[in-house]
C-alpha atoms as a PDB file:
ATOM      1  CA  MET A   1      67.071  80.328 134.561  1.00  0.00           C
ATOM      2  CA  ARG A   2      63.570  81.907 134.829  1.00  0.00           C
ATOM      3  CA  ARG A   3      62.817  82.887 138.701  1.00  0.00           C
ATOM      4  CA  VAL A   4      59.122  82.813 139.998  1.00  0.00           C
ATOM      5  CA  PRO A   5      57.580  83.195 143.105  1.00  0.00           C
ATOM      6  CA  PRO A   6      58.564  80.791 146.077  1.00  0.00           C
ATOM      7  CA  ARG A   7      56.070  78.072 147.355  1.00  0.00           C
ATOM      8  CA  THR A   8      58.072  77.925 150.883  1.00  0.00           C
ATOM      9  CA  LEU A   9      59.703  80.818 152.285  1.00  0.00           C
ATOM     10  CA  LEU A  10      62.397  80.709 154.824  1.00  0.00           C
ATOM     11  CA  PRO A  11      63.309  83.830 157.130  1.00  0.00           C
ATOM     12  CA  ARG A  12      65.882  86.038 155.672  1.00  0.00           C
ATOM     13  CA  ALA A  13      68.343  84.804 157.910  1.00  0.00           C
ATOM     14  CA  ALA A  14      68.339  81.554 155.813  1.00  0.00           C
ATOM     15  CA  CYS A  15      70.425  83.371 153.280  1.00  0.00           C
ATOM     16  CA  ALA A  16      72.978  84.672 156.141  1.00  0.00           C
ATOM     17  CA  VAL A  17      75.565  81.691 155.930  1.00  0.00           C
ATOM     18  CA  ALA A  18      77.327  80.164 153.484  1.00  0.00           C
ATOM     19  CA  LEU A  19      80.909  78.725 154.185  1.00  0.00           C
ATOM     20  CA  LEU A  20      83.963  77.708 152.252  1.00  0.00           C
ATOM     21  CA  THR A  21      83.396  80.286 149.444  1.00  0.00           C
ATOM     22  CA  VAL A  22      81.567  83.595 148.950  1.00  0.00           C
ATOM     23  CA  LEU A  23      77.815  83.083 148.570  1.00  0.00           C
ATOM     24  CA  THR A  24      76.784  85.826 146.041  1.00  0.00           C
ATOM     25  CA  GLY A  25      73.011  84.987 145.763  1.00  0.00           C
ATOM     26  CA  CYS A  26      70.491  83.295 147.423  1.00  0.00           C
ATOM     27  CA  GLY A  27      67.016  83.177 146.087  1.00  0.00           C
ATOM     28  CA  LEU A  28      63.904  81.480 147.007  1.00  0.00           C
ATOM     29  CA  PHE A  29      62.070  79.453 144.009  1.00  0.00           C
ATOM     30  CA  PRO A  30      60.421  76.681 143.079  1.00  0.00           C
ATOM     31  CA  ASP A  31      61.506  73.852 140.876  1.00  0.00           C
ATOM     32  CA  ASP A  32      63.047  75.315 137.738  1.00  0.00           C
ATOM     33  CA  ASP A  33      62.438  72.011 135.935  1.00  0.00           C
ATOM     34  CA  LYS A  34      58.723  73.062 135.690  1.00  0.00           C
ATOM     35  CA  ALA A  35      59.355  76.511 134.843  1.00  0.00           C
ATOM     36  CA  GLY A  36      57.866  77.565 131.150  1.00  0.00           C
ATOM     37  CA  GLY A  37      55.836  80.453 129.382  1.00  0.00           C
ATOM     38  CA  PRO A  38      56.065  82.991 126.600  1.00  0.00           C
ATOM     39  CA  ALA A  39      58.804  85.030 127.888  1.00  0.00           C
ATOM     40  CA  LEU A  40      62.469  83.933 126.622  1.00  0.00           C
ATOM     41  CA  THR A  41      64.661  83.340 129.506  1.00  0.00           C
ATOM     42  CA  GLU A  42      68.624  82.952 129.552  1.00  0.00           C
ATOM     43  CA  PRO A  43      70.318  79.907 128.586  1.00  0.00           C
ATOM     44  CA  VAL A  44      71.174  77.594 131.531  1.00  0.00           C
ATOM     45  CA  GLY A  45      74.364  75.432 132.239  1.00  0.00           C
ATOM     46  CA  VAL A  46      77.001  77.859 130.777  1.00  0.00           C
ATOM     47  CA  THR A  47      80.458  76.737 131.538  1.00  0.00           C
ATOM     48  CA  ALA A  48      83.787  78.006 129.823  1.00  0.00           C
ATOM     49  CA  GLN A  49      86.932  75.982 129.632  1.00  0.00           C
ATOM     50  CA  ALA A  50      90.168  77.249 128.726  1.00  0.00           C
ATOM     51  CA  GLY A  51      91.168  75.201 125.603  1.00  0.00           C
ATOM     52  CA  SER A  52      94.681  76.611 124.926  1.00  0.00           C
ATOM     53  CA  ALA A  53      96.809  79.651 125.755  1.00  0.00           C
ATOM     54  CA  THR A  54      94.842  81.521 123.172  1.00  0.00           C
ATOM     55  CA  SER A  55      91.183  79.722 123.148  1.00  0.00           C
ATOM     56  CA  VAL A  56      88.363  79.101 125.337  1.00  0.00           C
ATOM     57  CA  HIS A  57      85.416  76.450 124.854  1.00  0.00           C
ATOM     58  CA  VAL A  58      82.134  77.729 125.868  1.00  0.00           C
ATOM     59  CA  MET A  59      78.889  75.694 126.355  1.00  0.00           C
ATOM     60  CA  TRP A  60      75.423  76.118 127.252  1.00  0.00           C
ATOM     61  CA  ASN A  61      71.913  74.484 127.130  1.00  0.00           C
ATOM     62  CA  ARG A  62      69.096  76.070 125.892  1.00  0.00           C
ATOM     63  CA  PRO A  63      66.604  78.459 127.971  1.00  0.00           C
ATOM     64  CA  VAL A  64      64.000  76.306 129.801  1.00  0.00           C
ATOM     65  CA  SER A  65      61.132  78.649 128.363  1.00  0.00           C
ATOM     66  CA  THR A  66      59.012  77.232 125.842  1.00  0.00           C
ATOM     67  CA  THR A  67      59.417  80.402 123.616  1.00  0.00           C
ATOM     68  CA  ASP A  68      61.099  79.319 120.288  1.00  0.00           C
ATOM     69  CA  VAL A  69      65.084  80.101 119.915  1.00  0.00           C
ATOM     70  CA  THR A  70      66.112  81.202 116.806  1.00  0.00           C
ATOM     71  CA  GLY A  71      69.937  81.612 117.584  1.00  0.00           C
ATOM     72  CA  TYR A  72      72.738  82.661 120.323  1.00  0.00           C
ATOM     73  CA  GLU A  73      75.119  85.458 120.773  1.00  0.00           C
ATOM     74  CA  VAL A  74      78.299  84.970 122.838  1.00  0.00           C
ATOM     75  CA  TYR A  75      79.852  87.721 124.751  1.00  0.00           C
ATOM     76  CA  ARG A  76      83.073  88.116 126.268  1.00  0.00           C
ATOM     77  CA  GLY A  77      82.638  90.900 128.787  1.00  0.00           C
ATOM     78  CA  SER A  78      80.073  93.635 126.825  1.00  0.00           C
ATOM     79  CA  VAL A  79      81.753  92.610 123.544  1.00  0.00           C
ATOM     80  CA  ARG A  80      79.467  90.203 121.337  1.00  0.00           C
ATOM     81  CA  VAL A  81      82.026  87.633 119.715  1.00  0.00           C
ATOM     82  CA  LYS A  82      80.110  85.160 118.194  1.00  0.00           C
ATOM     83  CA  GLU A  83      76.573  84.605 116.630  1.00  0.00           C
ATOM     84  CA  LEU A  84      75.380  81.132 116.185  1.00  0.00           C
ATOM     85  CA  SER A  85      72.326  79.029 114.943  1.00  0.00           C
ATOM     86  CA  ALA A  86      69.833  77.765 117.568  1.00  0.00           C
ATOM     87  CA  GLU A  87      71.173  74.093 117.065  1.00  0.00           C
ATOM     88  CA  GLN A  88      74.722  75.322 118.306  1.00  0.00           C
ATOM     89  CA  HIS A  89      75.198  74.910 121.963  1.00  0.00           C
ATOM     90  CA  MET A  90      78.807  75.303 121.901  1.00  0.00           C
ATOM     91  CA  VAL A  91      81.792  77.433 120.454  1.00  0.00           C
ATOM     92  CA  ASP A  92      85.672  77.780 120.569  1.00  0.00           C
ATOM     93  CA  VAL A  93      86.462  81.574 121.048  1.00  0.00           C
ATOM     94  CA  THR A  94      90.111  81.924 119.495  1.00  0.00           C
ATOM     95  CA  GLY A  95      92.721  84.787 119.341  1.00  0.00           C
ATOM     96  CA  LEU A  96      92.558  85.603 123.245  1.00  0.00           C
ATOM     97  CA  ARG A  97      95.699  86.269 124.913  1.00  0.00           C
ATOM     98  CA  ALA A  98      97.694  84.046 127.022  1.00  0.00           C
ATOM     99  CA  LYS A  99      97.644  84.198 130.683  1.00  0.00           C
ATOM    100  CA  SER A 100      94.543  86.565 130.925  1.00  0.00           C
ATOM    101  CA  ARG A 101      91.076  86.385 132.819  1.00  0.00           C
ATOM    102  CA  TYR A 102      87.883  86.566 130.814  1.00  0.00           C
ATOM    103  CA  GLU A 103      84.344  86.655 131.568  1.00  0.00           C
ATOM    104  CA  PHE A 104      81.619  85.102 129.058  1.00  0.00           C
ATOM    105  CA  THR A 105      77.805  85.205 128.911  1.00  0.00           C
ATOM    106  CA  VAL A 106      75.209  83.925 126.561  1.00  0.00           C
ATOM    107  CA  ARG A 107      72.089  85.332 125.368  1.00  0.00           C
ATOM    108  CA  ALA A 108      69.221  83.649 123.143  1.00  0.00           C
ATOM    109  CA  ARG A 109      67.602  85.316 120.361  1.00  0.00           C
ATOM    110  CA  GLY A 110      63.933  84.665 119.933  1.00  0.00           C
ATOM    111  CA  LYS A 111      61.559  84.685 116.719  1.00  0.00           C
ATOM    112  CA  ASP A 112      60.709  88.047 116.815  1.00  0.00           C
ATOM    113  CA  GLY A 113      64.486  89.250 116.602  1.00  0.00           C
ATOM    114  CA  SER A 114      64.575  90.381 120.199  1.00  0.00           C
ATOM    115  CA  LEU A 115      67.124  89.042 122.850  1.00  0.00           C
ATOM    116  CA  GLY A 116      66.528  87.354 125.971  1.00  0.00           C
ATOM    117  CA  PRO A 117      68.318  87.967 129.121  1.00  0.00           C
ATOM    118  CA  ALA A 118      72.234  87.062 129.516  1.00  0.00           C
ATOM    119  CA  SER A 119      73.223  83.777 131.147  1.00  0.00           C
ATOM    120  CA  ARG A 120      75.342  83.940 134.479  1.00  0.00           C
ATOM    121  CA  ARG A 121      78.659  85.413 133.958  1.00  0.00           C
ATOM    122  CA  VAL A 122      81.685  82.359 133.624  1.00  0.00           C
ATOM    123  CA  THR A 123      85.151  83.306 134.163  1.00  0.00           C
ATOM    124  CA  VAL A 124      88.023  81.562 132.883  1.00  0.00           C
ATOM    125  CA  THR A 125      91.753  82.336 132.830  1.00  0.00           C
ATOM    126  CA  THR A 126      94.085  81.108 129.915  1.00  0.00           C
ATOM    127  CA  PRO A 127      97.201  79.533 130.517  1.00  0.00           C
ATOM    128  CA  ALA A 128     100.813  80.813 130.075  1.00  0.00           C
ATOM    129  CA  ALA A 129     102.203  81.371 126.582  1.00  0.00           C
ATOM    130  CA  VAL A 130     104.594  78.204 125.558  1.00  0.00           C
ATOM    131  CA  ALA A 131     107.476  78.380 123.317  1.00  0.00           C
ATOM    132  CA  ALA A 132     107.193  76.808 119.633  1.00  0.00           C
ATOM    133  CA  ASP A 133     105.637  73.553 120.389  1.00  0.00           C
ATOM    134  CA  GLY A 134     104.819  71.053 117.737  1.00  0.00           C
ATOM    135  CA  SER A 135     104.467  68.030 119.766  1.00  0.00           C
ATOM    136  CA  ALA A 136     101.019  66.873 120.490  1.00  0.00           C
ATOM    137  CA  PRO A 137     100.142  65.022 123.669  1.00  0.00           C
ATOM    138  CA  SER A 138      99.785  61.239 123.834  1.00  0.00           C
ATOM    139  CA  ARG A 139      96.594  60.080 123.414  1.00  0.00           C
ATOM    140  CA  PRO A 140      94.312  59.495 126.381  1.00  0.00           C
ATOM    141  CA  GLU A 141      94.189  55.733 127.481  1.00  0.00           C
ATOM    142  CA  GLY A 142      91.971  53.331 129.611  1.00  0.00           C
ATOM    143  CA  LEU A 143      89.047  55.253 128.451  1.00  0.00           C
ATOM    144  CA  ARG A 144      85.800  53.878 130.508  1.00  0.00           C
ATOM    145  CA  GLY A 145      82.312  54.898 131.013  1.00  0.00           C
ATOM    146  CA  HIS A 146      79.253  53.756 132.832  1.00  0.00           C
ATOM    147  CA  VAL A 147      75.464  54.880 132.396  1.00  0.00           C
ATOM    148  CA  ASP A 148      73.943  56.816 135.371  1.00  0.00           C
ATOM    149  CA  GLY A 149      70.402  56.459 134.751  1.00  0.00           C
ATOM    150  CA  GLY A 150      68.379  57.488 131.600  1.00  0.00           C
ATOM    151  CA  ARG A 151      70.299  60.850 130.739  1.00  0.00           C
ATOM    152  CA  ALA A 152      73.425  60.753 132.183  1.00  0.00           C
ATOM    153  CA  VAL A 153      76.794  58.721 131.569  1.00  0.00           C
ATOM    154  CA  THR A 154      80.378  59.301 133.436  1.00  0.00           C
ATOM    155  CA  LEU A 155      83.316  59.020 131.544  1.00  0.00           C
ATOM    156  CA  SER A 156      87.094  58.148 133.046  1.00  0.00           C
ATOM    157  CA  TRP A 157      90.289  57.874 131.447  1.00  0.00           C
ATOM    158  CA  ARG A 158      94.367  57.692 132.331  1.00  0.00           C
ATOM    159  CA  LYS A 159      96.144  61.055 132.309  1.00  0.00           C
ATOM    160  CA  ALA A 160      97.919  61.639 128.822  1.00  0.00           C
ATOM    161  CA  ALA A 161     101.458  62.834 128.636  1.00  0.00           C
ATOM    162  CA  ASP A 162     102.900  66.094 127.005  1.00  0.00           C
ATOM    163  CA  ASP A 163     106.425  67.457 126.790  1.00  0.00           C
ATOM    164  CA  ARG A 164     104.678  70.540 128.446  1.00  0.00           C
ATOM    165  CA  SER A 165     101.413  70.012 130.234  1.00  0.00           C
ATOM    166  CA  VAL A 166      97.775  68.973 129.187  1.00  0.00           C
ATOM    167  CA  VAL A 167      95.484  72.138 129.044  1.00  0.00           C
ATOM    168  CA  SER A 168      92.401  70.365 128.495  1.00  0.00           C
ATOM    169  CA  TYR A 169      90.338  67.193 127.424  1.00  0.00           C
ATOM    170  CA  ASP A 170      87.824  67.208 124.609  1.00  0.00           C
ATOM    171  CA  ILE A 171      85.092  64.979 124.626  1.00  0.00           C
ATOM    172  CA  TYR A 172      83.656  63.415 121.334  1.00  0.00           C
ATOM    173  CA  GLN A 173      80.274  61.711 120.506  1.00  0.00           C
ATOM    174  CA  GLY A 174      81.007  60.340 117.249  1.00  0.00           C
ATOM    175  CA  THR A 175      82.930  62.831 115.186  1.00  0.00           C
ATOM    176  CA  THR A 176      81.384  65.932 116.890  1.00  0.00           C
ATOM    177  CA  LYS A 177      83.086  67.499 119.845  1.00  0.00           C
ATOM    178  CA  ILE A 178      80.406  67.950 122.558  1.00  0.00           C
ATOM    179  CA  HIS A 179      82.036  68.811 126.020  1.00  0.00           C
ATOM    180  CA  SER A 180      85.627  69.831 127.421  1.00  0.00           C
ATOM    181  CA  VAL A 181      87.160  69.622 131.036  1.00  0.00           C
ATOM    182  CA  GLY A 182      90.381  70.952 132.368  1.00  0.00           C
ATOM    183  CA  GLY A 183      93.660  69.077 131.859  1.00  0.00           C
ATOM    184  CA  THR A 184      93.828  68.243 135.515  1.00  0.00           C
ATOM    185  CA  GLN A 185      90.613  66.171 135.063  1.00  0.00           C
ATOM    186  CA  THR A 186      90.548  62.793 134.306  1.00  0.00           C
ATOM    187  CA  ARG A 187      86.506  62.278 134.732  1.00  0.00           C
ATOM    188  CA  ALA A 188      83.771  63.901 133.005  1.00  0.00           C
ATOM    189  CA  LEU A 189      79.622  63.800 133.568  1.00  0.00           C
ATOM    190  CA  LEU A 190      77.797  64.170 130.457  1.00  0.00           C
ATOM    191  CA  THR A 191      74.174  64.953 130.970  1.00  0.00           C
ATOM    192  CA  GLY A 192      71.029  65.862 128.837  1.00  0.00           C
ATOM    193  CA  LEU A 193      70.947  62.566 126.940  1.00  0.00           C
ATOM    194  CA  ARG A 194      68.251  60.609 125.643  1.00  0.00           C
ATOM    195  CA  PRO A 195      66.908  57.529 127.581  1.00  0.00           C
ATOM    196  CA  GLY A 196      67.396  54.263 125.849  1.00  0.00           C
ATOM    197  CA  THR A 197      69.835  55.318 123.093  1.00  0.00           C
ATOM    198  CA  ALA A 198      73.214  54.144 122.329  1.00  0.00           C
ATOM    199  CA  TYR A 199      76.289  56.438 122.170  1.00  0.00           C
ATOM    200  CA  LYS A 200      79.863  56.366 121.233  1.00  0.00           C
ATOM    201  CA  PHE A 201      82.526  58.378 122.898  1.00  0.00           C
ATOM    202  CA  SER A 202      86.076  59.205 122.801  1.00  0.00           C
ATOM    203  CA  VAL A 203      88.851  61.671 124.261  1.00  0.00           C
ATOM    204  CA  ARG A 204      91.576  63.572 123.083  1.00  0.00           C
ATOM    205  CA  ALA A 205      94.074  65.672 125.034  1.00  0.00           C
ATOM    206  CA  ARG A 206      95.042  69.269 124.186  1.00  0.00           C
ATOM    207  CA  ASP A 207      98.121  71.380 125.126  1.00  0.00           C
ATOM    208  CA  ALA A 208      98.740  75.024 125.330  1.00  0.00           C
ATOM    209  CA  ALA A 209      99.669  75.436 121.945  1.00  0.00           C
ATOM    210  CA  ASP A 210      96.541  74.152 120.480  1.00  0.00           C
ATOM    211  CA  ASN A 211      98.183  70.458 119.468  1.00  0.00           C
ATOM    212  CA  VAL A 212      95.492  67.868 119.983  1.00  0.00           C
ATOM    213  CA  SER A 213      96.238  64.182 120.504  1.00  0.00           C
ATOM    214  CA  ALA A 214      94.769  61.308 118.505  1.00  0.00           C
ATOM    215  CA  ALA A 215      91.524  60.138 119.784  1.00  0.00           C
ATOM    216  CA  SER A 216      91.286  57.279 122.530  1.00  0.00           C
ATOM    217  CA  ASP A 217      89.928  54.014 121.986  1.00  0.00           C
ATOM    218  CA  PRO A 218      86.198  54.609 121.909  1.00  0.00           C
ATOM    219  CA  VAL A 219      83.495  53.469 124.338  1.00  0.00           C
ATOM    220  CA  ARG A 220      80.081  52.648 123.662  1.00  0.00           C
ATOM    221  CA  LEU A 221      77.190  53.054 126.260  1.00  0.00           C
ATOM    222  CA  THR A 222      73.567  52.804 126.199  1.00  0.00           C
ATOM    223  CA  THR A 223      71.587  54.888 128.345  1.00  0.00           C
ATOM    224  CA  ALA A 224      68.704  53.174 130.503  1.00  0.00           C
ATOM    225  CA  ARG A 225      65.034  53.560 129.616  1.00  0.00           C
ATOM    226  CA  GLY A 226      63.158  56.209 131.668  1.00  0.00           C
ATOM    227  CA  LYS A 227      64.191  59.935 132.524  1.00  0.00           C
ATOM    228  CA  ASN A 228      65.038  59.581 135.987  1.00  0.00           C
ATOM    229  CA  GLU A 229      68.518  60.809 137.076  1.00  0.00           C
ATOM    230  CA  GLY A 230      71.036  58.347 138.086  1.00  0.00           C
ATOM    231  CA  PRO A 231      72.434  58.171 141.837  1.00  0.00           C
ATOM    232  CA  GLY A 232      75.919  59.536 140.739  1.00  0.00           C
ATOM    233  CA  THR A 233      74.619  62.920 139.982  1.00  0.00           C
ATOM    234  CA  ALA A 234      73.623  63.484 143.564  1.00  0.00           C
ATOM    235  CA  PRO A 235      75.383  65.015 146.458  1.00  0.00           C
ATOM    236  CA  ASP A 236      77.596  62.768 148.237  1.00  0.00           C
ATOM    237  CA  ASP A 237      77.992  62.443 151.930  1.00  0.00           C
ATOM    238  CA  PHE A 238      74.948  64.464 152.872  1.00  0.00           C
ATOM    239  CA  ARG A 239      74.687  65.247 156.606  1.00  0.00           C
ATOM    240  CA  ALA A 240      71.989  67.935 158.570  1.00  0.00           C
ATOM    241  CA  THR A 241      72.373  68.755 162.198  1.00  0.00           C
ATOM    242  CA  THR A 242      70.709  71.575 164.269  1.00  0.00           C
ATOM    243  CA  ARG A 243      72.490  73.773 166.631  1.00  0.00           C
ATOM    244  CA  ARG A 244      71.170  76.545 168.889  1.00  0.00           C
ATOM    245  CA  ALA A 245      72.506  80.269 168.741  1.00  0.00           C
ATOM    246  CA  ASP A 246      71.226  83.481 169.882  1.00  0.00           C
ATOM    247  CA  GLY A 247      68.112  81.959 171.222  1.00  0.00           C
ATOM    248  CA  ALA A 248      67.085  80.371 167.970  1.00  0.00           C
ATOM    249  CA  TYR A 249      67.611  77.137 166.066  1.00  0.00           C
ATOM    250  CA  TYR A 250      69.551  76.555 162.579  1.00  0.00           C
ATOM    251  CA  ILE A 251      70.056  73.754 160.687  1.00  0.00           C
ATOM    252  CA  ASP A 252      73.475  73.078 159.269  1.00  0.00           C
ATOM    253  CA  LEU A 253      74.113  71.288 156.209  1.00  0.00           C
ATOM    254  CA  ALA A 254      77.266  69.579 154.742  1.00  0.00           C
ATOM    255  CA  TRP A 255      78.026  67.671 151.693  1.00  0.00           C
ATOM    256  CA  THR A 256      80.076  66.605 148.804  1.00  0.00           C
ATOM    257  CA  PRO A 257      79.588  67.786 145.379  1.00  0.00           C
ATOM    258  CA  PRO A 258      78.898  65.129 142.908  1.00  0.00           C
ATOM    259  CA  GLU A 259      81.629  64.453 140.306  1.00  0.00           C
ATOM    260  CA  THR A 260      80.297  66.538 137.013  1.00  0.00           C
ATOM    261  CA  GLY A 261      83.994  67.317 135.703  1.00  0.00           C
ATOM    262  CA  GLY A 262      83.216  70.799 136.228  1.00  0.00           C
ATOM    263  CA  GLU A 263      82.005  73.255 139.030  1.00  0.00           C
ATOM    264  CA  VAL A 264      78.378  72.563 140.602  1.00  0.00           C
ATOM    265  CA  PRO A 265      77.056  76.441 140.573  1.00  0.00           C
ATOM    266  CA  ALA A 266      73.820  75.924 142.501  1.00  0.00           C
ATOM    267  CA  TYR A 267      71.913  73.732 144.985  1.00  0.00           C
ATOM    268  CA  GLN A 268      68.419  73.384 145.707  1.00  0.00           C
ATOM    269  CA  VAL A 269      67.295  72.685 149.317  1.00  0.00           C
ATOM    270  CA  PHE A 270      64.214  70.746 150.139  1.00  0.00           C
ATOM    271  CA  LEU A 271      62.620  71.090 153.577  1.00  0.00           C
ATOM    272  CA  ASP A 272      59.931  68.793 154.437  1.00  0.00           C
ATOM    273  CA  GLY A 273      58.952  67.939 151.018  1.00  0.00           C
ATOM    274  CA  GLU A 274      58.825  71.477 149.820  1.00  0.00           C
ATOM    275  CA  GLN A 275      61.529  73.516 147.949  1.00  0.00           C
ATOM    276  CA  ALA A 276      62.921  76.039 150.601  1.00  0.00           C
ATOM    277  CA  THR A 277      65.765  77.716 148.937  1.00  0.00           C
ATOM    278  CA  THR A 278      68.483  77.637 146.156  1.00  0.00           C
ATOM    279  CA  VAL A 279      71.920  78.064 147.334  1.00  0.00           C
ATOM    280  CA  MET A 280      74.243  79.750 144.334  1.00  0.00           C
ATOM    281  CA  TRP A 281      77.848  80.495 144.133  1.00  0.00           C
ATOM    282  CA  GLY A 282      79.535  82.735 141.884  1.00  0.00           C
ATOM    283  CA  GLU A 283      82.910  82.535 140.414  1.00  0.00           C
ATOM    284  CA  SER A 284      84.123  79.528 142.341  1.00  0.00           C
ATOM    285  CA  ALA A 285      81.776  76.836 143.842  1.00  0.00           C
ATOM    286  CA  PRO A 286      83.414  74.714 146.454  1.00  0.00           C
ATOM    287  CA  PRO A 287      84.688  71.682 144.575  1.00  0.00           C
ATOM    288  CA  ASP A 288      85.320  69.421 147.620  1.00  0.00           C
ATOM    289  CA  ALA A 289      83.208  69.953 150.190  1.00  0.00           C
ATOM    290  CA  ALA A 290      80.419  72.444 151.079  1.00  0.00           C
ATOM    291  CA  LYS A 291      78.372  73.791 153.771  1.00  0.00           C
ATOM    292  CA  TYR A 292      75.267  76.016 154.438  1.00  0.00           C
ATOM    293  CA  SER A 293      73.357  76.867 157.174  1.00  0.00           C
ATOM    294  CA  PHE A 294      69.972  78.671 157.711  1.00  0.00           C
ATOM    295  CA  TYR A 295      67.379  79.704 160.689  1.00  0.00           C
ATOM    296  CA  ILE A 296      64.726  77.057 161.363  1.00  0.00           C
ATOM    297  CA  GLY A 297      62.551  78.916 164.282  1.00  0.00           C
ATOM    298  CA  LYS A 298      62.805  79.256 168.250  1.00  0.00           C
ATOM    299  CA  ASP A 299      60.949  76.104 168.923  1.00  0.00           C
ATOM    300  CA  ALA A 300      62.858  73.108 170.534  1.00  0.00           C
ATOM    301  CA  GLY A 301      61.523  69.512 169.902  1.00  0.00           C
ATOM    302  CA  ALA A 302      60.530  70.475 165.886  1.00  0.00           C
ATOM    303  CA  ARG A 303      61.309  67.608 163.658  1.00  0.00           C
ATOM    304  CA  HIS A 304      62.312  68.502 160.136  1.00  0.00           C
ATOM    305  CA  ARG A 305      63.134  66.524 156.980  1.00  0.00           C
ATOM    306  CA  VAL A 306      65.558  67.870 154.575  1.00  0.00           C
ATOM    307  CA  LYS A 307      67.552  67.270 151.255  1.00  0.00           C
ATOM    308  CA  ILE A 308      69.344  68.946 148.406  1.00  0.00           C
ATOM    309  CA  ARG A 309      70.172  68.494 145.015  1.00  0.00           C
ATOM    310  CA  GLY A 310      72.834  70.135 142.649  1.00  0.00           C
ATOM    311  CA  GLN A 311      72.763  71.835 139.073  1.00  0.00           C
ATOM    312  CA  LEU A 312      74.494  69.720 136.602  1.00  0.00           C
ATOM    313  CA  PRO A 313      76.749  71.163 133.840  1.00  0.00           C
ATOM    314  CA  ASP A 314      73.685  71.242 131.190  1.00  0.00           C
ATOM    315  CA  GLY A 315      71.670  73.352 133.606  1.00  0.00           C
ATOM    316  CA  THR A 316      69.437  70.621 134.501  1.00  0.00           C
ATOM    317  CA  TRP A 317      68.912  69.460 138.220  1.00  0.00           C
ATOM    318  CA  GLY A 318      70.627  66.046 139.205  1.00  0.00           C
ATOM    319  CA  ALA A 319      69.301  63.652 141.777  1.00  0.00           C
ATOM    320  CA  PHE A 320      68.433  64.263 145.242  1.00  0.00           C
ATOM    321  CA  SER A 321      70.575  63.199 148.051  1.00  0.00           C
ATOM    322  CA  PRO A 322      69.248  61.030 150.767  1.00  0.00           C
ATOM    323  CA  GLU A 323      66.765  62.681 153.142  1.00  0.00           C
ATOM    324  CA  ARG A 324      67.930  63.535 156.605  1.00  0.00           C
ATOM    325  CA  THR A 325      65.535  64.087 159.816  1.00  0.00           C
ATOM    326  CA  VAL A 326      66.718  66.736 162.391  1.00  0.00           C
ATOM    327  CA  THR A 327      64.778  67.693 165.836  1.00  0.00           C
ATOM    328  CA  THR A 328      65.781  71.065 166.942  1.00  0.00           C
ATOM    329  CA  GLY A 329      67.236  70.783 170.293  1.00  0.00           C
ATOM    330  CA  GLY A 330      67.765  67.042 169.895  1.00  0.00           C
END
C-alpha cells in the first residue's frame, strides 16, 4: 500500500501497545482508498494458503496506484518462482517440500518494464506428507451464501470428509478458482465483486496428496447495487474505554475481527472523524479477539469519538465498526 503523510498525528506513544500478538508496524496514514498517482505501488491483499503437502496457493489484488500494470512476479523468499500476466491475481506454487515454512511476496511490473516494490511478506507452512493416497475427499455439502453489500458475499458449507484430512477448500466462480481457505475453515468472505452482478459459486475440498473432491452444488447470488461495504465486513463487538496511567490518559480498544476466511492484517483507527493511525500485525494477526491502546492526552473531561475498520482479503477496507464515544476521567 502506498504510504502518504498523515492528516492527524497521534503522539509516539500511540504505537506503544498492541496486545495478544506482536505489533510489527504502526503507521500514520490517511485513507488508502484515495491513494493514487504515477508511482507504481505494491500489490495489496496478498495471502498464501497451503493447498497440499507440496503446493501453496498465492493470491493478491492489483496495486492501488493508477500506473498501468503489465505483469506480476511471485517470489519465494528471494527467488522468483512465477511470472504472470496483468490479468492473473493468483497462482499455485508447486514442487515444495512437505512440512516446510515458506515466505512469499509479489511485485508488479510497469509498462516501462520496471518492477514496483514488494508486497508485504506472507508466510505459510505446508502440511506433513502422507502415504500413497488415491482417495479424494467427499464433496462439500450444504453450500449457502448471502450478499454483504455491493462488493462482497459470504459463503458457508459443511465440513468435507477424508480418510486423512482436508487441507484446503477451493472456491470457484463458475469454472475458475478464485479463492482458497484452510481445511479447518467452512466459511469464506469474497470481496472485490461488482455491484448489481449475478454470480455462481461452488466449493471443492483438497487433501494433502492433492486429491480434489467433486464440486459442491452451486449457489447463485446477486450483489446489491451501490458500492457500499456490507455490515459483515465490519469488526464486531467493538468497545472503547479510557484509563489513566503515569499522569496521562489512554484509550483502550477491543474488538472481534470480521469473519473473512483468513487473517485481517491491519486496522485503521479513526479519532473524531479523522484517520489517526493504522495498526498492522505481521505474520500472525489475532484471529478471535484484538486489543489496541494509545495515548490521548493529560486533560480530564476530554470527549472523543472513535471507530475502526479492517483490511479485507483483497486489500480493500471493510465497513466501519459502530462509533463509540469516550470521555477521559469519566
